């Protein structure tokens, strides 16, 4: 199953950071935007796997239109493909 969550992309001190705003404490960092997005996808996938293993419900998704940005920030949706129950990793 695929889950979608919004993220905010920021550039600071020649680094990028991508915060997955609905997943508490979940973010990715990298030397460029692509690396930061990849790191955020991995972090988000792991975040969701831990929640699923603990039997927790996934958080409700914030709509992109409801996100306010500061100067220099971007917003995007990230897709997280989660294995179906019973799949071997």
PDB file of N, CA and C in Angstrom:
ATOM      1  N   UNK A   1       0.846  -1.168   0.000  1.00  0.00           N
ATOM      2  CA  UNK A   1       0.000   0.000   0.000  1.00  0.00           C
ATOM      3  C   UNK A   1       0.897   1.240   0.000  1.00  0.00           C
ATOM      4  N   UNK A   2       0.439   2.270  -0.647  1.00  0.00           N
ATOM      5  CA  UNK A   2       1.205   3.512  -0.718  1.00  0.00           C
ATOM      6  C   UNK A   2       0.507   4.583   0.113  1.00  0.00           C
ATOM      7  N   UNK A   3       1.295   5.267   0.942  1.00  0.00           N
ATOM      8  CA  UNK A   3       0.807   6.367   1.758  1.00  0.00           C
ATOM      9  C   UNK A   3       1.498   7.644   1.303  1.00  0.00           C
ATOM     10  N   UNK A   4       0.773   8.739   1.330  1.00  0.00           N
ATOM     11  CA  UNK A   4       1.309  10.029   0.892  1.00  0.00           C
ATOM     12  C   UNK A   4       1.256  11.019   2.046  1.00  0.00           C
ATOM     13  N   UNK A   5       2.380  11.692   2.255  1.00  0.00           N
ATOM     14  CA  UNK A   5       2.448  12.714   3.291  1.00  0.00           C
ATOM     15  C   UNK A   5       3.171  13.940   2.753  1.00  0.00           C
ATOM     16  N   UNK A   6       2.738  15.128   3.185  1.00  0.00           N
ATOM     17  CA  UNK A   6       3.387  16.357   2.727  1.00  0.00           C
ATOM     18  C   UNK A   6       4.722  16.574   3.441  1.00  0.00           C
ATOM     19  N   UNK A   7       5.586  17.285   2.745  1.00  0.00           N
ATOM     20  CA  UNK A   7       6.898  17.605   3.309  1.00  0.00           C
ATOM     21  C   UNK A   7       7.278  19.029   2.925  1.00  0.00           C
ATOM     22  N   UNK A   8       8.082  19.645   3.767  1.00  0.00           N
ATOM     23  CA  UNK A   8       8.604  20.980   3.503  1.00  0.00           C
ATOM     24  C   UNK A   8      10.102  20.867   3.259  1.00  0.00           C
ATOM     25  N   UNK A   9      10.556  21.468   2.169  1.00  0.00           N
ATOM     26  CA  UNK A   9      11.963  21.444   1.781  1.00  0.00           C
ATOM     27  C   UNK A   9      12.571  22.799   2.112  1.00  0.00           C
ATOM     28  N   UNK A  10      13.691  22.761   2.838  1.00  0.00           N
ATOM     29  CA  UNK A  10      14.391  23.994   3.221  1.00  0.00           C
ATOM     30  C   UNK A  10      15.865  23.867   2.867  1.00  0.00           C
ATOM     31  N   UNK A  11      16.460  24.972   2.463  1.00  0.00           N
ATOM     32  CA  UNK A  11      17.907  25.010   2.243  1.00  0.00           C
ATOM     33  C   UNK A  11      18.513  25.909   3.313  1.00  0.00           C
ATOM     34  N   UNK A  12      19.549  25.384   3.979  1.00  0.00           N
ATOM     35  CA  UNK A  12      20.198  26.144   5.034  1.00  0.00           C
ATOM     36  C   UNK A  12      21.670  25.761   5.070  1.00  0.00           C
ATOM     37  N   UNK A  13      22.530  26.764   4.998  1.00  0.00           N
ATOM     38  CA  UNK A  13      23.977  26.545   5.077  1.00  0.00           C
ATOM     39  C   UNK A  13      24.468  25.493   4.077  1.00  0.00           C
ATOM     40  N   UNK A  14      24.063  25.635   2.824  1.00  0.00           N
ATOM     41  CA  UNK A  14      24.486  24.728   1.751  1.00  0.00           C
ATOM     42  C   UNK A  14      24.067  23.282   1.963  1.00  0.00           C
ATOM     43  N   UNK A  15      23.036  23.056   2.770  1.00  0.00           N
ATOM     44  CA  UNK A  15      22.460  21.737   2.988  1.00  0.00           C
ATOM     45  C   UNK A  15      20.951  21.843   2.780  1.00  0.00           C
ATOM     46  N   UNK A  16      20.334  20.720   2.515  1.00  0.00           N
ATOM     47  CA  UNK A  16      18.881  20.671   2.400  1.00  0.00           C
ATOM     48  C   UNK A  16      18.325  19.814   3.527  1.00  0.00           C
ATOM     49  N   UNK A  17      17.130  20.195   3.967  1.00  0.00           N
ATOM     50  CA  UNK A  17      16.405  19.422   4.975  1.00  0.00           C
ATOM     51  C   UNK A  17      14.968  19.302   4.499  1.00  0.00           C
ATOM     52  N   UNK A  18      14.420  18.102   4.612  1.00  0.00           N
ATOM     53  CA  UNK A  18      13.039  17.819   4.226  1.00  0.00           C
ATOM     54  C   UNK A  18      12.313  17.294   5.461  1.00  0.00           C
ATOM     55  N   UNK A  19      11.334  18.057   5.949  1.00  0.00           N
ATOM     56  CA  UNK A  19      10.548  17.658   7.111  1.00  0.00           C
ATOM     57  C   UNK A  19       9.223  17.063   6.661  1.00  0.00           C
ATOM     58  N   UNK A  20       8.955  15.835   7.081  1.00  0.00           N
ATOM     59  CA  UNK A  20       7.667  15.187   6.808  1.00  0.00           C
ATOM     60  C   UNK A  20       6.756  15.607   7.964  1.00  0.00           C
ATOM     61  N   UNK A  21       5.964  16.638   7.725  1.00  0.00           N
ATOM     62  CA  UNK A  21       5.334  17.367   8.830  1.00  0.00           C
ATOM     63  C   UNK A  21       4.308  16.572   9.634  1.00  0.00           C
ATOM     64  N   UNK A  22       3.697  15.561   9.062  1.00  0.00           N
ATOM     65  CA  UNK A  22       2.697  14.789   9.800  1.00  0.00           C
ATOM     66  C   UNK A  22       3.299  13.626  10.592  1.00  0.00           C
ATOM     67  N   UNK A  23       4.573  13.343  10.360  1.00  0.00           N
ATOM     68  CA  UNK A  23       5.245  12.248  11.057  1.00  0.00           C
ATOM     69  C   UNK A  23       6.226  12.870  12.054  1.00  0.00           C
ATOM     70  N   UNK A  24       5.842  12.921  13.306  1.00  0.00           N
ATOM     71  CA  UNK A  24       6.601  13.635  14.343  1.00  0.00           C
ATOM     72  C   UNK A  24       8.075  13.260  14.352  1.00  0.00           C
ATOM     73  N   UNK A  25       8.928  14.282  14.205  1.00  0.00           N
ATOM     74  CA  UNK A  25      10.367  14.083  14.271  1.00  0.00           C
ATOM     75  C   UNK A  25      10.976  13.450  13.037  1.00  0.00           C
ATOM     76  N   UNK A  26      10.204  13.321  11.967  1.00  0.00           N
ATOM     77  CA  UNK A  26      10.679  12.644  10.757  1.00  0.00           C
ATOM     78  C   UNK A  26      11.202  13.668   9.750  1.00  0.00           C
ATOM     79  N   UNK A  27      12.463  13.496   9.346  1.00  0.00           N
ATOM     80  CA  UNK A  27      13.057  14.401   8.369  1.00  0.00           C
ATOM     81  C   UNK A  27      14.215  13.707   7.661  1.00  0.00           C
ATOM     82  N   UNK A  28      14.650  14.314   6.590  1.00  0.00           N
ATOM     83  CA  UNK A  28      15.825  13.859   5.873  1.00  0.00           C
ATOM     84  C   UNK A  28      16.726  15.031   5.587  1.00  0.00           C
ATOM     85  N   UNK A  29      18.006  14.763   5.428  1.00  0.00           N
ATOM     86  CA  UNK A  29      18.977  15.808   5.127  1.00  0.00           C
ATOM     87  C   UNK A  29      19.895  15.335   4.018  1.00  0.00           C
ATOM     88  N   UNK A  30      20.473  16.300   3.301  1.00  0.00           N
ATOM     89  CA  UNK A  30      21.409  15.941   2.252  1.00  0.00           C
ATOM     90  C   UNK A  30      22.108  17.153   1.683  1.00  0.00           C
ATOM     91  N   UNK A  31      23.158  16.878   0.917  1.00  0.00           N
ATOM     92  CA  UNK A  31      23.946  17.963   0.317  1.00  0.00           C
ATOM     93  C   UNK A  31      23.198  18.651  -0.808  1.00  0.00           C
ATOM     94  N   UNK A  32      22.221  17.936  -1.387  1.00  0.00           N
ATOM     95  CA  UNK A  32      21.365  18.545  -2.402  1.00  0.00           C
ATOM     96  C   UNK A  32      19.930  18.075  -2.167  1.00  0.00           C
ATOM     97  N   UNK A  33      19.023  18.662  -2.913  1.00  0.00           N
ATOM     98  CA  UNK A  33      17.599  18.373  -2.709  1.00  0.00           C
ATOM     99  C   UNK A  33      17.284  16.890  -2.922  1.00  0.00           C
ATOM    100  N   UNK A  34      17.863  16.289  -3.949  1.00  0.00           N
ATOM    101  CA  UNK A  34      17.591  14.872  -4.238  1.00  0.00           C
ATOM    102  C   UNK A  34      18.029  13.977  -3.081  1.00  0.00           C
ATOM    103  N   UNK A  35      19.208  14.249  -2.516  1.00  0.00           N
ATOM    104  CA  UNK A  35      19.686  13.449  -1.387  1.00  0.00           C
ATOM    105  C   UNK A  35      18.778  13.620  -0.169  1.00  0.00           C
ATOM    106  N   UNK A  36      18.360  14.842   0.086  1.00  0.00           N
ATOM    107  CA  UNK A  36      17.493  15.109   1.239  1.00  0.00           C
ATOM    108  C   UNK A  36      16.134  14.434   1.062  1.00  0.00           C
ATOM    109  N   UNK A  37      15.589  14.469  -0.141  1.00  0.00           N
ATOM    110  CA  UNK A  37      14.309  13.806  -0.402  1.00  0.00           C
ATOM    111  C   UNK A  37      14.429  12.294  -0.237  1.00  0.00           C
ATOM    112  N   UNK A  38      15.501  11.717  -0.740  1.00  0.00           N
ATOM    113  CA  UNK A  38      15.722  10.279  -0.594  1.00  0.00           C
ATOM    114  C   UNK A  38      15.844   9.901   0.885  1.00  0.00           C
ATOM    115  N   UNK A  39      16.593  10.697   1.639  1.00  0.00           N
ATOM    116  CA  UNK A  39      16.765  10.444   3.067  1.00  0.00           C
ATOM    117  C   UNK A  39      15.424  10.560   3.804  1.00  0.00           C
ATOM    118  N   UNK A  40      14.607  11.540   3.422  1.00  0.00           N
ATOM    119  CA  UNK A  40      13.292  11.713   4.038  1.00  0.00           C
ATOM    120  C   UNK A  40      12.370  10.547   3.706  1.00  0.00           C
ATOM    121  N   UNK A  41      12.442  10.037   2.480  1.00  0.00           N
ATOM    122  CA  UNK A  41      11.613   8.874   2.109  1.00  0.00           C
ATOM    123  C   UNK A  41      11.999   7.657   2.938  1.00  0.00           C
ATOM    124  N   UNK A  42      13.294   7.458   3.117  1.00  0.00           N
ATOM    125  CA  UNK A  42      13.751   6.326   3.926  1.00  0.00           C
ATOM    126  C   UNK A  42      13.316   6.496   5.385  1.00  0.00           C
ATOM    127  N   UNK A  43      13.502   7.698   5.922  1.00  0.00           N
ATOM    128  CA  UNK A  43      13.116   7.966   7.309  1.00  0.00           C
ATOM    129  C   UNK A  43      11.604   7.790   7.495  1.00  0.00           C
ATOM    130  N   UNK A  44      10.819   8.290   6.547  1.00  0.00           N
ATOM    131  CA  UNK A  44       9.369   8.158   6.637  1.00  0.00           C
ATOM    132  C   UNK A  44       8.908   6.718   6.543  1.00  0.00           C
ATOM    133  N   UNK A  45       9.519   5.964   5.656  1.00  0.00           N
ATOM    134  CA  UNK A  45       9.181   4.537   5.547  1.00  0.00           C
ATOM    135  C   UNK A  45       9.462   3.805   6.848  1.00  0.00           C
ATOM    136  N   UNK A  46      10.611   4.087   7.444  1.00  0.00           N
ATOM    137  CA  UNK A  46      10.956   3.467   8.729  1.00  0.00           C
ATOM    138  C   UNK A  46       9.994   3.914   9.827  1.00  0.00           C
ATOM    139  N   UNK A  47       9.641   5.189   9.826  1.00  0.00           N
ATOM    140  CA  UNK A  47       8.700   5.724  10.813  1.00  0.00           C
ATOM    141  C   UNK A  47       7.375   4.960  10.730  1.00  0.00           C
ATOM    142  N   UNK A  48       6.861   4.804   9.513  1.00  0.00           N
ATOM    143  CA  UNK A  48       5.584   4.118   9.322  1.00  0.00           C
ATOM    144  C   UNK A  48       5.674   2.635   9.683  1.00  0.00           C
ATOM    145  N   UNK A  49       6.800   1.998   9.368  1.00  0.00           N
ATOM    146  CA  UNK A  49       6.973   0.582   9.725  1.00  0.00           C
ATOM    147  C   UNK A  49       6.935   0.383  11.232  1.00  0.00           C
ATOM    148  N   UNK A  50       7.586   1.259  11.977  1.00  0.00           N
ATOM    149  CA  UNK A  50       7.579   1.163  13.441  1.00  0.00           C
ATOM    150  C   UNK A  50       6.158   1.339  13.969  1.00  0.00           C
ATOM    151  N   UNK A  51       5.438   2.314  13.437  1.00  0.00           N
ATOM    152  CA  UNK A  51       4.048   2.524  13.862  1.00  0.00           C
ATOM    153  C   UNK A  51       3.199   1.289  13.567  1.00  0.00           C
ATOM    154  N   UNK A  52       3.382   0.707  12.393  1.00  0.00           N
ATOM    155  CA  UNK A  52       2.611  -0.479  12.016  1.00  0.00           C
ATOM    156  C   UNK A  52       2.946  -1.657  12.930  1.00  0.00           C
ATOM    157  N   UNK A  53       4.229  -1.843  13.233  1.00  0.00           N
ATOM    158  CA  UNK A  53       4.638  -2.936  14.116  1.00  0.00           C
ATOM    159  C   UNK A  53       4.074  -2.761  15.520  1.00  0.00           C
ATOM    160  N   UNK A  54       3.943  -1.517  15.955  1.00  0.00           N
ATOM    161  CA  UNK A  54       3.401  -1.230  17.283  1.00  0.00           C
ATOM    162  C   UNK A  54       1.874  -1.217  17.297  1.00  0.00           C
ATOM    163  N   UNK A  55       1.251  -1.475  16.141  1.00  0.00           N
ATOM    164  CA  UNK A  55      -0.199  -1.508  16.053  1.00  0.00           C
ATOM    165  C   UNK A  55      -0.855  -0.144  16.107  1.00  0.00           C
ATOM    166  N   UNK A  56      -0.092   0.886  15.824  1.00  0.00           N
ATOM    167  CA  UNK A  56      -0.610   2.255  15.889  1.00  0.00           C
ATOM    168  C   UNK A  56      -1.247   2.641  14.558  1.00  0.00           C
ATOM    169  N   UNK A  57      -2.197   3.570  14.616  1.00  0.00           N
ATOM    170  CA  UNK A  57      -2.786   4.120  13.402  1.00  0.00           C
ATOM    171  C   UNK A  57      -1.850   5.174  12.832  1.00  0.00           C
ATOM    172  N   UNK A  58      -1.807   5.280  11.527  1.00  0.00           N
ATOM    173  CA  UNK A  58      -0.995   6.313  10.892  1.00  0.00           C
ATOM    174  C   UNK A  58      -1.691   7.660  11.049  1.00  0.00           C
ATOM    175  N   UNK A  59      -0.908   8.738  11.166  1.00  0.00           N
ATOM    176  CA  UNK A  59      -1.523  10.058  11.314  1.00  0.00           C
ATOM    177  C   UNK A  59      -2.285  10.487  10.065  1.00  0.00           C
ATOM    178  N   UNK A  60      -3.253  11.333  10.290  1.00  0.00           N
ATOM    179  CA  UNK A  60      -4.035  11.900   9.197  1.00  0.00           C
ATOM    180  C   UNK A  60      -3.134  12.826   8.372  1.00  0.00           C
ATOM    181  N   UNK A  61      -3.345  12.830   7.084  1.00  0.00           N
ATOM    182  CA  UNK A  61      -2.533  13.626   6.161  1.00  0.00           C
ATOM    183  C   UNK A  61      -3.006  15.076   6.115  1.00  0.00           C
ATOM    184  N   UNK A  62      -2.058  16.011   6.237  1.00  0.00           N
ATOM    185  CA  UNK A  62      -2.346  17.431   6.051  1.00  0.00           C
ATOM    186  C   UNK A  62      -2.413  17.706   4.546  1.00  0.00           C
ATOM    187  N   UNK A  63      -3.384  18.493   4.128  1.00  0.00           N
ATOM    188  CA  UNK A  63      -3.508  18.836   2.710  1.00  0.00           C
ATOM    189  C   UNK A  63      -2.482  19.910   2.356  1.00  0.00           C
ATOM    190  N   UNK A  64      -1.884  19.800   1.182  1.00  0.00           N
ATOM    191  CA  UNK A  64      -0.867  20.767   0.754  1.00  0.00           C
ATOM    192  C   UNK A  64      -1.368  22.206   0.808  1.00  0.00           C
ATOM    193  N   UNK A  65      -2.635  22.419   0.475  1.00  0.00           N
ATOM    194  CA  UNK A  65      -3.183  23.779   0.485  1.00  0.00           C
ATOM    195  C   UNK A  65      -3.247  24.376   1.887  1.00  0.00           C
ATOM    196  N   UNK A  66      -3.170  23.539   2.916  1.00  0.00           N
ATOM    197  CA  UNK A  66      -3.241  24.021   4.294  1.00  0.00           C
ATOM    198  C   UNK A  66      -1.866  24.334   4.893  1.00  0.00           C
ATOM    199  N   UNK A  67      -0.825  24.189   4.107  1.00  0.00           N
ATOM    200  CA  UNK A  67       0.543  24.417   4.590  1.00  0.00           C
ATOM    201  C   UNK A  67       1.008  25.808   4.190  1.00  0.00           C
ATOM    202  N   UNK A  68       1.413  26.592   5.178  1.00  0.00           N
ATOM    203  CA  UNK A  68       1.979  27.921   4.931  1.00  0.00           C
ATOM    204  C   UNK A  68       3.495  27.803   4.892  1.00  0.00           C
ATOM    205  N   UNK A  69       4.100  28.454   3.930  1.00  0.00           N
ATOM    206  CA  UNK A  69       5.546  28.399   3.770  1.00  0.00           C
ATOM    207  C   UNK A  69       6.186  29.730   4.119  1.00  0.00           C
ATOM    208  N   UNK A  70       7.420  29.647   4.551  1.00  0.00           N
ATOM    209  CA  UNK A  70       8.228  30.836   4.747  1.00  0.00           C
ATOM    210  C   UNK A  70       9.076  31.031   3.490  1.00  0.00           C
ATOM    211  N   UNK A  71       9.673  32.187   3.369  1.00  0.00           N
ATOM    212  CA  UNK A  71      10.475  32.494   2.195  1.00  0.00           C
ATOM    213  C   UNK A  71      11.562  31.439   1.988  1.00  0.00           C
ATOM    214  N   UNK A  72      11.685  30.978   0.758  1.00  0.00           N
ATOM    215  CA  UNK A  72      12.711  30.002   0.406  1.00  0.00           C
ATOM    216  C   UNK A  72      12.316  28.554   0.627  1.00  0.00           C
ATOM    217  N   UNK A  73      11.134  28.305   1.183  1.00  0.00           N
ATOM    218  CA  UNK A  73      10.686  26.935   1.413  1.00  0.00           C
ATOM    219  C   UNK A  73       9.840  26.444   0.240  1.00  0.00           C
ATOM    220  N   UNK A  74       9.822  25.135   0.076  1.00  0.00           N
ATOM    221  CA  UNK A  74       8.976  24.477  -0.927  1.00  0.00           C
ATOM    222  C   UNK A  74       8.178  23.386  -0.229  1.00  0.00           C
ATOM    223  N   UNK A  75       7.056  23.029  -0.829  1.00  0.00           N
ATOM    224  CA  UNK A  75       6.292  21.902  -0.303  1.00  0.00           C
ATOM    225  C   UNK A  75       6.113  20.870  -1.391  1.00  0.00           C
ATOM    226  N   UNK A  76       5.998  19.629  -0.966  1.00  0.00           N
ATOM    227  CA  UNK A  76       5.826  18.528  -1.899  1.00  0.00           C
ATOM    228  C   UNK A  76       5.124  17.385  -1.174  1.00  0.00           C
ATOM    229  N   UNK A  77       4.657  16.422  -1.929  1.00  0.00           N
ATOM    230  CA  UNK A  77       4.092  15.204  -1.356  1.00  0.00           C
ATOM    231  C   UNK A  77       5.107  14.088  -1.548  1.00  0.00           C
ATOM    232  N   UNK A  78       5.308  13.306  -0.507  1.00  0.00           N
ATOM    233  CA  UNK A  78       6.188  12.150  -0.585  1.00  0.00           C
ATOM    234  C   UNK A  78       5.344  10.883  -0.537  1.00  0.00           C
ATOM    235  N   UNK A  79       5.705   9.915  -1.354  1.00  0.00           N
ATOM    236  CA  UNK A  79       5.015   8.624  -1.377  1.00  0.00           C
ATOM    237  C   UNK A  79       5.853   7.601  -0.615  1.00  0.00           C
ATOM    238  N   UNK A  80       5.191   6.838   0.227  1.00  0.00           N
ATOM    239  CA  UNK A  80       5.846   5.788   1.003  1.00  0.00           C
ATOM    240  C   UNK A  80       5.170   4.468   0.669  1.00  0.00           C
ATOM    241  N   UNK A  81       5.882   3.587  -0.002  1.00  0.00           N
ATOM    242  CA  UNK A  81       5.353   2.273  -0.366  1.00  0.00           C
ATOM    243  C   UNK A  81       5.632   1.320   0.781  1.00  0.00           C
ATOM    244  N   UNK A  82       4.567   0.817   1.366  1.00  0.00           N
ATOM    245  CA  UNK A  82       4.698  -0.073   2.519  1.00  0.00           C
ATOM    246  C   UNK A  82       4.413  -1.513   2.083  1.00  0.00           C
ATOM    247  N   UNK A  83       5.217  -2.443   2.597  1.00  0.00           N
ATOM    248  CA  UNK A  83       4.977  -3.859   2.246  1.00  0.00           C
ATOM    249  C   UNK A  83       3.637  -4.339   2.806  1.00  0.00           C
ATOM    250  N   UNK A  84       3.019  -5.228   2.061  1.00  0.00           N
ATOM    251  CA  UNK A  84       1.768  -5.806   2.546  1.00  0.00           C
ATOM    252  C   UNK A  84       2.093  -6.807   3.635  1.00  0.00           C
ATOM    253  N   UNK A  85       1.139  -6.994   4.526  1.00  0.00           N
ATOM    254  CA  UNK A  85       1.330  -7.940   5.634  1.00  0.00           C
ATOM    255  C   UNK A  85       1.661  -9.308   5.064  1.00  0.00           C
ATOM    256  N   UNK A  86       2.685  -9.920   5.631  1.00  0.00           N
ATOM    257  CA  UNK A  86       3.076 -11.246   5.182  1.00  0.00           C
ATOM    258  C   UNK A  86       4.166 -11.262   4.148  1.00  0.00           C
ATOM    259  N   UNK A  87       4.504 -10.091   3.579  1.00  0.00           N
ATOM    260  CA  UNK A  87       5.595 -10.021   2.615  1.00  0.00           C
ATOM    261  C   UNK A  87       6.911 -10.161   3.346  1.00  0.00           C
ATOM    262  N   UNK A  88       7.831 -10.845   2.753  1.00  0.00           N
ATOM    263  CA  UNK A  88       9.173 -10.939   3.313  1.00  0.00           C
ATOM    264  C   UNK A  88       9.964  -9.727   2.859  1.00  0.00           C
ATOM    265  N   UNK A  89      10.771  -9.169   3.771  1.00  0.00           N
ATOM    266  CA  UNK A  89      11.590  -7.998   3.408  1.00  0.00           C
ATOM    267  C   UNK A  89      12.886  -8.447   2.776  1.00  0.00           C
TER     268      UNK A  89
END
